């Protein structure tokens, strides 16, 4: 199903994905700002999970930019899976998207680790 979603050659799928990413970016930024205001700066800087949160925000911003750039650059070929060009920018773009997914899973593992099972 997801394979059809990203290879259907419809730009509305990428637009929807970017809209969801922008909502997530705003949510995470609001959460981090609230956490920064509610804790001391030294305490915020020492917590390792804040670095993961900030990295996730930055990677989601980069992924949104990559998807929008892809949509603008290749309006006739909206296939995200097949290789379109062999230059370094394409490899970097794919690395950004893969890193975003990886850091999101890592964040999910941290959240699950903080749950109390009693």
Foldseek 3Di string as FASTA:
>chain_A
DVQCLQQVLDCVSLVVVLVVLVVVLVVLVVVLVVVPVVDDPVVLVPDPVNVLSVVLSVLSVLLSVLSVCQCVVCSRGRHPPDDDDDDPVNVVNVVSVVVNVVSVVVNVVVVVVPDDDD
